[in-house]
Amino acid sequence: MKSRYWTCSRFADWLRGTPKIEYGTFEEWDAWRKTAQIAHPVRWWIAEEGLDIVQNFVCWPMEKFNDVSYYINNRWFTRSHTLTAHPRNIKPGEWRDLSDRLLPCLFNALVDFVEIEQAWHHVCWDAEASKRFVVPWYRRGWPRLRAWRCPEAGLAYLDWASGLVQDEDWGVQKIDIKYGHPTGQALAAMEIKELYTWWIEVYPHRPDPYDASGWSAYCDSLREKYGTVFRSSKNTDERDESMRMLGVCDRIEKEYEDEDTYMMNRLIAVRANLWT
């Protein structure tokens, strides 16, 4: 069964009066255009320009409808113009300084990139993946005003991209020292997956500094012993122990802050690859 593209191509060849070459150099294409245009100038114009005018006229209503639906989707649903923290990180209506908003806003955007954009990219171009990760019927419709989210599909795409190596398909010969090495896309995918995994699996499960340092338990013991934590103890051992625990707490908080900064810097460094 002939493809629709093949049928349209044959029709254009018939209308133009000159069959189009399948492939050639720039010089060969220029020569074909000049020959075809001289042989049938009117038919050339109809095939190469007139049909485009008709197509633009016929498709204009649908294109405008697409523009409106995409605007509505980007403006109120996908909200691609914003960086917003997830409610699990910052509750709506809760005040946070900019210094506290940067980390969750950036990494929540990364999560959406992996679980929505990369996931959809994976099922769009892979027939087997589209069977494995079934998109719900209400997300297949058009226009899609709600994004389909699938962490498994997003990670599967990153795993696939991480396995890309420089070989003949990438124009690299076996004698080249780069042959068999990861491509730039593969290195970026590895980095994106590490950042995503850190935010999803590591960051939320870091021990609370006050608990890890023992300060929370110490305060509970003071409440049981004195009825309050706001008590100036004359016991030297208690003061020394409290200062030690506060010092540990400060050290853990500083380690967390340094880790957050380091991961944000890595995310900024890979930003050129955050597109689909």
C-alpha atoms as a PDB file:
ATOM      1  CA  MET A   1       0.000   0.000   0.000  1.00  0.00           C
ATOM      2  CA  LYS A   2       1.479   3.341  -1.099  1.00  0.00           C
ATOM      3  CA  SER A   3       2.055   5.934   1.609  1.00  0.00           C
ATOM      4  CA  ARG A   4       0.184   9.221   1.653  1.00  0.00           C
ATOM      5  CA  TYR A   5       3.461  11.104   1.218  1.00  0.00           C
ATOM      6  CA  TRP A   6       4.301   9.040  -1.889  1.00  0.00           C
ATOM      7  CA  THR A   7       0.855   9.732  -3.373  1.00  0.00           C
ATOM      8  CA  CYS A   8       1.140  13.497  -2.767  1.00  0.00           C
ATOM      9  CA  SER A   9       4.641  13.508  -4.234  1.00  0.00           C
ATOM     10  CA  ARG A  10       3.473  11.757  -7.410  1.00  0.00           C
ATOM     11  CA  PHE A  11       0.579  14.212  -7.719  1.00  0.00           C
ATOM     12  CA  ALA A  12       2.963  17.153  -7.394  1.00  0.00           C
ATOM     13  CA  ASP A  13       5.234  15.630 -10.038  1.00  0.00           C
ATOM     14  CA  TRP A  14       2.269  15.277 -12.383  1.00  0.00           C
ATOM     15  CA  LEU A  15       1.101  18.819 -11.710  1.00  0.00           C
ATOM     16  CA  ARG A  16       4.582  20.279 -12.075  1.00  0.00           C
ATOM     17  CA  GLY A  17       5.254  18.345 -15.248  1.00  0.00           C
ATOM     18  CA  THR A  18       8.758  17.418 -14.140  1.00  0.00           C
ATOM     19  CA  PRO A  19       9.520  14.576 -11.702  1.00  0.00           C
ATOM     20  CA  LYS A  20      11.523  15.697  -8.670  1.00  0.00           C
ATOM     21  CA  ILE A  21      14.890  14.050  -8.142  1.00  0.00           C
ATOM     22  CA  GLU A  22      15.121  11.866  -5.034  1.00  0.00           C
ATOM     23  CA  TYR A  23      18.525  13.101  -3.912  1.00  0.00           C
ATOM     24  CA  GLY A  24      21.486  15.094  -5.143  1.00  0.00           C
ATOM     25  CA  THR A  25      24.083  17.737  -4.421  1.00  0.00           C
ATOM     26  CA  PHE A  26      23.247  21.419  -4.028  1.00  0.00           C
ATOM     27  CA  GLU A  27      24.356  21.970  -7.604  1.00  0.00           C
ATOM     28  CA  GLU A  28      22.133  19.136  -8.861  1.00  0.00           C
ATOM     29  CA  TRP A  29      19.114  20.496  -7.009  1.00  0.00           C
ATOM     30  CA  ASP A  30      19.702  23.988  -8.427  1.00  0.00           C
ATOM     31  CA  ALA A  31      19.991  22.545 -11.914  1.00  0.00           C
ATOM     32  CA  TRP A  32      16.749  20.587 -11.494  1.00  0.00           C
ATOM     33  CA  ARG A  33      14.855  23.671 -10.285  1.00  0.00           C
ATOM     34  CA  LYS A  34      16.010  25.765 -13.223  1.00  0.00           C
ATOM     35  CA  THR A  35      15.191  23.038 -15.735  1.00  0.00           C
ATOM     36  CA  ALA A  36      11.734  22.343 -14.264  1.00  0.00           C
ATOM     37  CA  GLN A  37      10.858  26.042 -14.005  1.00  0.00           C
ATOM     38  CA  ILE A  38      11.881  26.760 -17.597  1.00  0.00           C
ATOM     39  CA  ALA A  39      10.074  23.717 -18.970  1.00  0.00           C
ATOM     40  CA  HIS A  40       6.672  24.499 -17.382  1.00  0.00           C
ATOM     41  CA  PRO A  41       6.720  27.909 -15.627  1.00  0.00           C
ATOM     42  CA  VAL A  42       2.962  28.063 -14.919  1.00  0.00           C
ATOM     43  CA  ARG A  43       2.691  24.474 -13.736  1.00  0.00           C
ATOM     44  CA  TRP A  44       5.841  25.016 -11.640  1.00  0.00           C
ATOM     45  CA  TRP A  45       4.232  27.987  -9.876  1.00  0.00           C
ATOM     46  CA  ILE A  46       1.033  26.035  -9.214  1.00  0.00           C
ATOM     47  CA  ALA A  47       2.898  23.037  -7.751  1.00  0.00           C
ATOM     48  CA  GLU A  48       5.518  24.936  -5.761  1.00  0.00           C
ATOM     49  CA  GLU A  49       3.629  28.039  -4.634  1.00  0.00           C
ATOM     50  CA  GLY A  50      -0.030  27.806  -5.557  1.00  0.00           C
ATOM     51  CA  LEU A  51      -0.640  24.627  -3.557  1.00  0.00           C
ATOM     52  CA  ASP A  52       0.998  26.242  -0.509  1.00  0.00           C
ATOM     53  CA  ILE A  53      -1.394  29.186  -0.778  1.00  0.00           C
ATOM     54  CA  VAL A  54      -4.388  26.856  -0.971  1.00  0.00           C
ATOM     55  CA  GLN A  55      -3.093  24.800   1.959  1.00  0.00           C
ATOM     56  CA  ASN A  56      -2.565  27.900   4.095  1.00  0.00           C
ATOM     57  CA  PHE A  57      -6.099  29.082   3.309  1.00  0.00           C
ATOM     58  CA  VAL A  58      -7.710  25.717   4.095  1.00  0.00           C
ATOM     59  CA  CYS A  59      -5.683  25.146   7.265  1.00  0.00           C
ATOM     60  CA  TRP A  60      -6.014  28.721   8.618  1.00  0.00           C
ATOM     61  CA  PRO A  61      -9.031  28.018  10.915  1.00  0.00           C
ATOM     62  CA  MET A  62      -7.403  24.922  12.423  1.00  0.00           C
ATOM     63  CA  GLU A  63      -4.078  26.721  12.879  1.00  0.00           C
ATOM     64  CA  LYS A  64      -5.805  29.553  14.739  1.00  0.00           C
ATOM     65  CA  PHE A  65      -7.674  27.059  16.888  1.00  0.00           C
ATOM     66  CA  ASN A  66      -4.338  25.374  17.650  1.00  0.00           C
ATOM     67  CA  ASP A  67      -2.810  28.721  18.605  1.00  0.00           C
ATOM     68  CA  VAL A  68      -5.650  29.431  21.040  1.00  0.00           C
ATOM     69  CA  SER A  69      -5.588  25.954  22.597  1.00  0.00           C
ATOM     70  CA  TYR A  70      -1.799  26.024  23.007  1.00  0.00           C
ATOM     71  CA  TYR A  71      -2.016  29.456  24.624  1.00  0.00           C
ATOM     72  CA  ILE A  72      -4.681  28.267  27.061  1.00  0.00           C
ATOM     73  CA  ASN A  73      -2.611  25.174  27.874  1.00  0.00           C
ATOM     74  CA  ASN A  74       0.636  27.108  28.393  1.00  0.00           C
ATOM     75  CA  ARG A  75      -1.048  29.954  30.280  1.00  0.00           C
ATOM     76  CA  TRP A  76      -3.302  28.154  32.762  1.00  0.00           C
ATOM     77  CA  PHE A  77      -2.431  24.433  32.766  1.00  0.00           C
ATOM     78  CA  THR A  78       1.195  23.713  31.865  1.00  0.00           C
ATOM     79  CA  ARG A  79       2.150  27.255  32.956  1.00  0.00           C
ATOM     80  CA  SER A  80       5.407  27.085  31.048  1.00  0.00           C
ATOM     81  CA  HIS A  81       6.112  30.735  31.921  1.00  0.00           C
ATOM     82  CA  THR A  82       6.476  30.070  35.654  1.00  0.00           C
ATOM     83  CA  LEU A  83       8.675  28.311  38.183  1.00  0.00           C
ATOM     84  CA  THR A  84       6.490  27.083  41.035  1.00  0.00           C
ATOM     85  CA  ALA A  85       7.309  24.976  44.074  1.00  0.00           C
ATOM     86  CA  HIS A  86       5.328  21.813  44.649  1.00  0.00           C
ATOM     87  CA  PRO A  87       2.934  21.916  47.651  1.00  0.00           C
ATOM     88  CA  ARG A  88       4.962  19.148  49.313  1.00  0.00           C
ATOM     89  CA  ASN A  89       7.912  21.562  49.446  1.00  0.00           C
ATOM     90  CA  ILE A  90       6.137  24.886  50.016  1.00  0.00           C
ATOM     91  CA  LYS A  91       2.473  24.941  50.965  1.00  0.00           C
ATOM     92  CA  PRO A  92       0.348  27.426  48.954  1.00  0.00           C
ATOM     93  CA  GLY A  93      -0.103  30.655  50.887  1.00  0.00           C
ATOM     94  CA  GLU A  94       2.961  30.015  53.041  1.00  0.00           C
ATOM     95  CA  TRP A  95       5.565  32.792  53.062  1.00  0.00           C
ATOM     96  CA  ARG A  96       9.058  31.841  51.998  1.00  0.00           C
ATOM     97  CA  ASP A  97      12.028  34.081  51.281  1.00  0.00           C
ATOM     98  CA  LEU A  98      13.552  33.937  47.827  1.00  0.00           C
ATOM     99  CA  SER A  99      16.578  32.137  49.263  1.00  0.00           C
ATOM    100  CA  ASP A 100      14.268  29.298  50.301  1.00  0.00           C
ATOM    101  CA  ARG A 101      12.241  29.250  47.063  1.00  0.00           C
ATOM    102  CA  LEU A 102      15.074  28.866  44.571  1.00  0.00           C
ATOM    103  CA  LEU A 103      15.961  25.237  45.322  1.00  0.00           C
ATOM    104  CA  PRO A 104      12.439  23.721  45.238  1.00  0.00           C
ATOM    105  CA  CYS A 105      11.304  25.817  42.278  1.00  0.00           C
ATOM    106  CA  LEU A 106      14.281  24.787  40.150  1.00  0.00           C
ATOM    107  CA  PHE A 107      14.158  21.111  41.029  1.00  0.00           C
ATOM    108  CA  ASN A 108      10.360  20.869  40.778  1.00  0.00           C
ATOM    109  CA  ALA A 109      10.768  22.172  37.227  1.00  0.00           C
ATOM    110  CA  LEU A 110      13.357  19.447  36.629  1.00  0.00           C
ATOM    111  CA  VAL A 111      10.905  16.823  37.911  1.00  0.00           C
ATOM    112  CA  ASP A 112       8.253  18.055  35.475  1.00  0.00           C
ATOM    113  CA  PHE A 113      10.812  17.991  32.677  1.00  0.00           C
ATOM    114  CA  VAL A 114      11.683  14.346  33.337  1.00  0.00           C
ATOM    115  CA  GLU A 115       8.239  13.009  34.252  1.00  0.00           C
ATOM    116  CA  ILE A 116       6.242  14.916  31.630  1.00  0.00           C
ATOM    117  CA  GLU A 117       8.383  16.141  28.734  1.00  0.00           C
ATOM    118  CA  GLN A 118      10.930  13.337  28.585  1.00  0.00           C
ATOM    119  CA  ALA A 119       8.238  10.740  29.299  1.00  0.00           C
ATOM    120  CA  TRP A 120       6.115  11.966  26.396  1.00  0.00           C
ATOM    121  CA  HIS A 121       9.200  12.196  24.197  1.00  0.00           C
ATOM    122  CA  HIS A 122       9.908   8.551  24.994  1.00  0.00           C
ATOM    123  CA  VAL A 123       6.505   7.186  23.973  1.00  0.00           C
ATOM    124  CA  CYS A 124       6.217   9.445  20.913  1.00  0.00           C
ATOM    125  CA  TRP A 125       9.289   8.062  19.151  1.00  0.00           C
ATOM    126  CA  ASP A 126       9.355   4.477  20.404  1.00  0.00           C
ATOM    127  CA  ALA A 127       6.579   2.106  19.348  1.00  0.00           C
ATOM    128  CA  GLU A 128       7.487  -0.452  21.995  1.00  0.00           C
ATOM    129  CA  ALA A 129       7.562   2.221  24.704  1.00  0.00           C
ATOM    130  CA  SER A 130       4.134   3.475  23.649  1.00  0.00           C
ATOM    131  CA  LYS A 131       2.818  -0.043  24.273  1.00  0.00           C
ATOM    132  CA  ARG A 132       4.631  -0.434  27.584  1.00  0.00           C
ATOM    133  CA  PHE A 133       3.664   2.956  29.020  1.00  0.00           C
ATOM    134  CA  VAL A 134      -0.005   3.247  28.164  1.00  0.00           C
ATOM    135  CA  VAL A 135      -1.257   6.819  28.008  1.00  0.00           C
ATOM    136  CA  PRO A 136      -4.766   7.100  29.542  1.00  0.00           C
ATOM    137  CA  TRP A 137      -7.502   7.667  26.983  1.00  0.00           C
ATOM    138  CA  TYR A 138      -8.404  11.048  28.469  1.00  0.00           C
ATOM    139  CA  ARG A 139      -4.819  12.246  27.903  1.00  0.00           C
ATOM    140  CA  ARG A 140      -4.713  11.138  24.270  1.00  0.00           C
ATOM    141  CA  GLY A 141      -7.446  13.524  23.220  1.00  0.00           C
ATOM    142  CA  TRP A 142      -6.905  16.854  21.567  1.00  0.00           C
ATOM    143  CA  PRO A 143      -6.320  19.445  22.782  1.00  0.00           C
ATOM    144  CA  ARG A 144      -4.494  17.968  25.786  1.00  0.00           C
ATOM    145  CA  LEU A 145      -5.040  20.484  28.575  1.00  0.00           C
ATOM    146  CA  ARG A 146      -3.614  18.204  31.224  1.00  0.00           C
ATOM    147  CA  ALA A 147      -0.111  16.814  30.923  1.00  0.00           C
ATOM    148  CA  TRP A 148       0.494  13.072  31.093  1.00  0.00           C
ATOM    149  CA  ARG A 149       2.972  12.317  33.879  1.00  0.00           C
ATOM    150  CA  CYS A 150       4.941   9.068  34.027  1.00  0.00           C
ATOM    151  CA  PRO A 151       8.191   8.934  36.058  1.00  0.00           C
ATOM    152  CA  GLU A 152       8.966   5.443  34.743  1.00  0.00           C
ATOM    153  CA  ALA A 153       8.766   6.551  31.106  1.00  0.00           C
ATOM    154  CA  GLY A 154      10.896   9.634  31.790  1.00  0.00           C
ATOM    155  CA  LEU A 155      13.603   7.563  33.468  1.00  0.00           C
ATOM    156  CA  ALA A 156      13.418   4.977  30.697  1.00  0.00           C
ATOM    157  CA  TYR A 157      14.159   7.694  28.174  1.00  0.00           C
ATOM    158  CA  LEU A 158      17.126   8.924  30.220  1.00  0.00           C
ATOM    159  CA  ASP A 159      18.438   5.362  30.471  1.00  0.00           C
ATOM    160  CA  TRP A 160      18.183   4.977  26.717  1.00  0.00           C
ATOM    161  CA  ALA A 161      19.910   8.302  26.070  1.00  0.00           C
ATOM    162  CA  SER A 162      22.636   7.453  28.599  1.00  0.00           C
ATOM    163  CA  GLY A 163      23.602   4.451  26.465  1.00  0.00           C
ATOM    164  CA  LEU A 164      24.333   6.441  23.309  1.00  0.00           C
ATOM    165  CA  VAL A 165      27.971   6.165  22.198  1.00  0.00           C
ATOM    166  CA  GLN A 166      29.992   7.764  19.445  1.00  0.00           C
ATOM    167  CA  ASP A 167      30.188   5.327  16.534  1.00  0.00           C
ATOM    168  CA  GLU A 168      29.669   5.219  12.767  1.00  0.00           C
ATOM    169  CA  ASP A 169      26.092   6.458  13.174  1.00  0.00           C
ATOM    170  CA  TRP A 170      27.523   9.595  14.751  1.00  0.00           C
ATOM    171  CA  GLY A 171      30.186  10.008  12.091  1.00  0.00           C
ATOM    172  CA  VAL A 172      32.986   8.628  14.284  1.00  0.00           C
ATOM    173  CA  GLN A 173      35.239   5.921  12.856  1.00  0.00           C
ATOM    174  CA  LYS A 174      36.752   3.072  14.857  1.00  0.00           C
ATOM    175  CA  ILE A 175      40.235   4.533  14.528  1.00  0.00           C
ATOM    176  CA  ASP A 176      39.080   7.712  16.277  1.00  0.00           C
ATOM    177  CA  ILE A 177      39.996   7.935  19.970  1.00  0.00           C
ATOM    178  CA  LYS A 178      36.434   9.084  20.708  1.00  0.00           C
ATOM    179  CA  TYR A 179      34.922   5.906  19.267  1.00  0.00           C
ATOM    180  CA  GLY A 180      32.785   4.077  21.834  1.00  0.00           C
ATOM    181  CA  HIS A 181      32.750   6.997  24.250  1.00  0.00           C
ATOM    182  CA  PRO A 182      29.435   8.464  25.477  1.00  0.00           C
ATOM    183  CA  THR A 183      27.924  11.182  23.332  1.00  0.00           C
ATOM    184  CA  GLY A 184      27.184  14.638  24.658  1.00  0.00           C
ATOM    185  CA  GLN A 185      23.505  13.667  24.851  1.00  0.00           C
ATOM    186  CA  ALA A 186      24.417  10.592  26.903  1.00  0.00           C
ATOM    187  CA  LEU A 187      26.508  12.593  29.370  1.00  0.00           C
ATOM    188  CA  ALA A 188      23.703  15.117  29.785  1.00  0.00           C
ATOM    189  CA  ALA A 189      21.149  12.342  30.348  1.00  0.00           C
ATOM    190  CA  MET A 190      23.349  10.788  33.045  1.00  0.00           C
ATOM    191  CA  GLU A 191      23.649  14.138  34.797  1.00  0.00           C
ATOM    192  CA  ILE A 192      19.919  14.856  34.576  1.00  0.00           C
ATOM    193  CA  LYS A 193      19.087  11.452  36.032  1.00  0.00           C
ATOM    194  CA  GLU A 194      21.527  11.956  38.930  1.00  0.00           C
ATOM    195  CA  LEU A 195      20.017  15.344  39.746  1.00  0.00           C
ATOM    196  CA  TYR A 196      16.471  13.999  39.491  1.00  0.00           C
ATOM    197  CA  THR A 197      17.305  10.995  41.697  1.00  0.00           C
ATOM    198  CA  TRP A 198      18.954  13.216  44.300  1.00  0.00           C
ATOM    199  CA  TRP A 199      15.891  15.438  44.553  1.00  0.00           C
ATOM    200  CA  ILE A 200      13.386  12.565  44.639  1.00  0.00           C
ATOM    201  CA  GLU A 201      15.223   9.996  46.754  1.00  0.00           C
ATOM    202  CA  VAL A 202      17.984  11.737  48.724  1.00  0.00           C
ATOM    203  CA  TYR A 203      16.837  15.252  49.549  1.00  0.00           C
ATOM    204  CA  PRO A 204      13.460  14.361  51.154  1.00  0.00           C
ATOM    205  CA  HIS A 205      15.023  11.677  53.362  1.00  0.00           C
ATOM    206  CA  ARG A 206      17.911  13.625  54.827  1.00  0.00           C
ATOM    207  CA  PRO A 207      17.727  13.454  58.648  1.00  0.00           C
ATOM    208  CA  ASP A 208      16.552  16.600  60.377  1.00  0.00           C
ATOM    209  CA  PRO A 209      19.641  18.389  61.767  1.00  0.00           C
ATOM    210  CA  TYR A 210      17.989  18.834  65.166  1.00  0.00           C
ATOM    211  CA  ASP A 211      17.172  15.134  65.358  1.00  0.00           C
ATOM    212  CA  ALA A 212      20.521  13.957  63.976  1.00  0.00           C
ATOM    213  CA  SER A 213      22.468  16.136  66.395  1.00  0.00           C
ATOM    214  CA  GLY A 214      20.468  14.922  69.386  1.00  0.00           C
ATOM    215  CA  TRP A 215      19.162  18.415  70.135  1.00  0.00           C
ATOM    216  CA  SER A 216      15.478  17.427  69.785  1.00  0.00           C
ATOM    217  CA  ALA A 217      15.872  14.559  72.246  1.00  0.00           C
ATOM    218  CA  TYR A 218      17.834  16.811  74.587  1.00  0.00           C
ATOM    219  CA  CYS A 219      15.046  19.402  74.579  1.00  0.00           C
ATOM    220  CA  ASP A 220      12.497  16.673  75.329  1.00  0.00           C
ATOM    221  CA  SER A 221      14.575  15.594  78.337  1.00  0.00           C
ATOM    222  CA  LEU A 222      14.678  19.187  79.605  1.00  0.00           C
ATOM    223  CA  ARG A 223      10.903  19.458  79.365  1.00  0.00           C
ATOM    224  CA  GLU A 224      10.510  16.281  81.395  1.00  0.00           C
ATOM    225  CA  LYS A 225      13.083  17.373  83.962  1.00  0.00           C
ATOM    226  CA  TYR A 226      12.340  21.090  84.317  1.00  0.00           C
ATOM    227  CA  GLY A 227       9.032  21.572  82.487  1.00  0.00           C
ATOM    228  CA  THR A 228      10.612  23.920  79.954  1.00  0.00           C
ATOM    229  CA  VAL A 229      13.595  24.189  77.646  1.00  0.00           C
ATOM    230  CA  PHE A 230      14.039  27.876  78.440  1.00  0.00           C
ATOM    231  CA  ARG A 231      16.030  27.349  81.588  1.00  0.00           C
ATOM    232  CA  SER A 232      19.527  28.509  82.300  1.00  0.00           C
ATOM    233  CA  SER A 233      21.169  25.458  83.785  1.00  0.00           C
ATOM    234  CA  LYS A 234      23.932  25.880  86.324  1.00  0.00           C
ATOM    235  CA  ASN A 235      25.104  22.369  85.526  1.00  0.00           C
ATOM    236  CA  THR A 236      28.367  22.694  83.594  1.00  0.00           C
ATOM    237  CA  ASP A 237      27.971  19.264  82.002  1.00  0.00           C
ATOM    238  CA  GLU A 238      24.500  20.154  80.724  1.00  0.00           C
ATOM    239  CA  ARG A 239      25.743  23.438  79.246  1.00  0.00           C
ATOM    240  CA  ASP A 240      28.696  21.749  77.588  1.00  0.00           C
ATOM    241  CA  GLU A 241      26.470  19.020  76.168  1.00  0.00           C
ATOM    242  CA  SER A 242      23.956  21.524  74.813  1.00  0.00           C
ATOM    243  CA  MET A 243      26.735  23.552  73.146  1.00  0.00           C
ATOM    244  CA  ARG A 244      28.188  20.393  71.641  1.00  0.00           C
ATOM    245  CA  MET A 245      24.850  19.354  70.158  1.00  0.00           C
ATOM    246  CA  LEU A 246      24.165  22.839  68.800  1.00  0.00           C
ATOM    247  CA  GLY A 247      27.581  22.762  67.174  1.00  0.00           C
ATOM    248  CA  VAL A 248      26.775  19.433  65.528  1.00  0.00           C
ATOM    249  CA  CYS A 249      23.431  20.813  64.385  1.00  0.00           C
ATOM    250  CA  ASP A 250      25.110  23.853  62.819  1.00  0.00           C
ATOM    251  CA  ARG A 251      27.633  21.614  61.046  1.00  0.00           C
ATOM    252  CA  ILE A 252      24.903  19.403  59.575  1.00  0.00           C
ATOM    253  CA  GLU A 253      22.910  22.427  58.424  1.00  0.00           C
ATOM    254  CA  LYS A 254      26.024  23.847  56.760  1.00  0.00           C
ATOM    255  CA  GLU A 255      26.667  20.506  55.010  1.00  0.00           C
ATOM    256  CA  TYR A 256      23.081  20.470  53.726  1.00  0.00           C
ATOM    257  CA  GLU A 257      23.370  24.055  52.515  1.00  0.00           C
ATOM    258  CA  ASP A 258      26.632  23.300  50.697  1.00  0.00           C
ATOM    259  CA  GLU A 259      25.092  20.209  49.121  1.00  0.00           C
ATOM    260  CA  ASP A 260      22.049  22.197  47.963  1.00  0.00           C
ATOM    261  CA  THR A 261      24.287  24.850  46.408  1.00  0.00           C
ATOM    262  CA  TYR A 262      26.426  22.224  44.701  1.00  0.00           C
ATOM    263  CA  MET A 263      23.395  20.483  43.194  1.00  0.00           C
ATOM    264  CA  MET A 264      21.852  23.772  42.051  1.00  0.00           C
ATOM    265  CA  ASN A 265      25.126  24.657  40.319  1.00  0.00           C
ATOM    266  CA  ARG A 266      25.075  21.299  38.543  1.00  0.00           C
ATOM    267  CA  LEU A 267      21.501  21.901  37.425  1.00  0.00           C
ATOM    268  CA  ILE A 268      22.400  25.335  36.072  1.00  0.00           C
ATOM    269  CA  ALA A 269      25.405  23.861  34.260  1.00  0.00           C
ATOM    270  CA  VAL A 270      23.217  21.306  32.422  1.00  0.00           C
ATOM    271  CA  ARG A 271      20.413  23.752  31.591  1.00  0.00           C
ATOM    272  CA  ALA A 272      21.311  23.868  27.874  1.00  0.00           C
ATOM    273  CA  ASN A 273      20.157  20.234  27.622  1.00  0.00           C
ATOM    274  CA  LEU A 274      16.778  20.748  29.320  1.00  0.00           C
ATOM    275  CA  TRP A 275      14.650  20.842  26.198  1.00  0.00           C
ATOM    276  CA  THR A 276      12.659  18.395  24.053  1.00  0.00           C
END
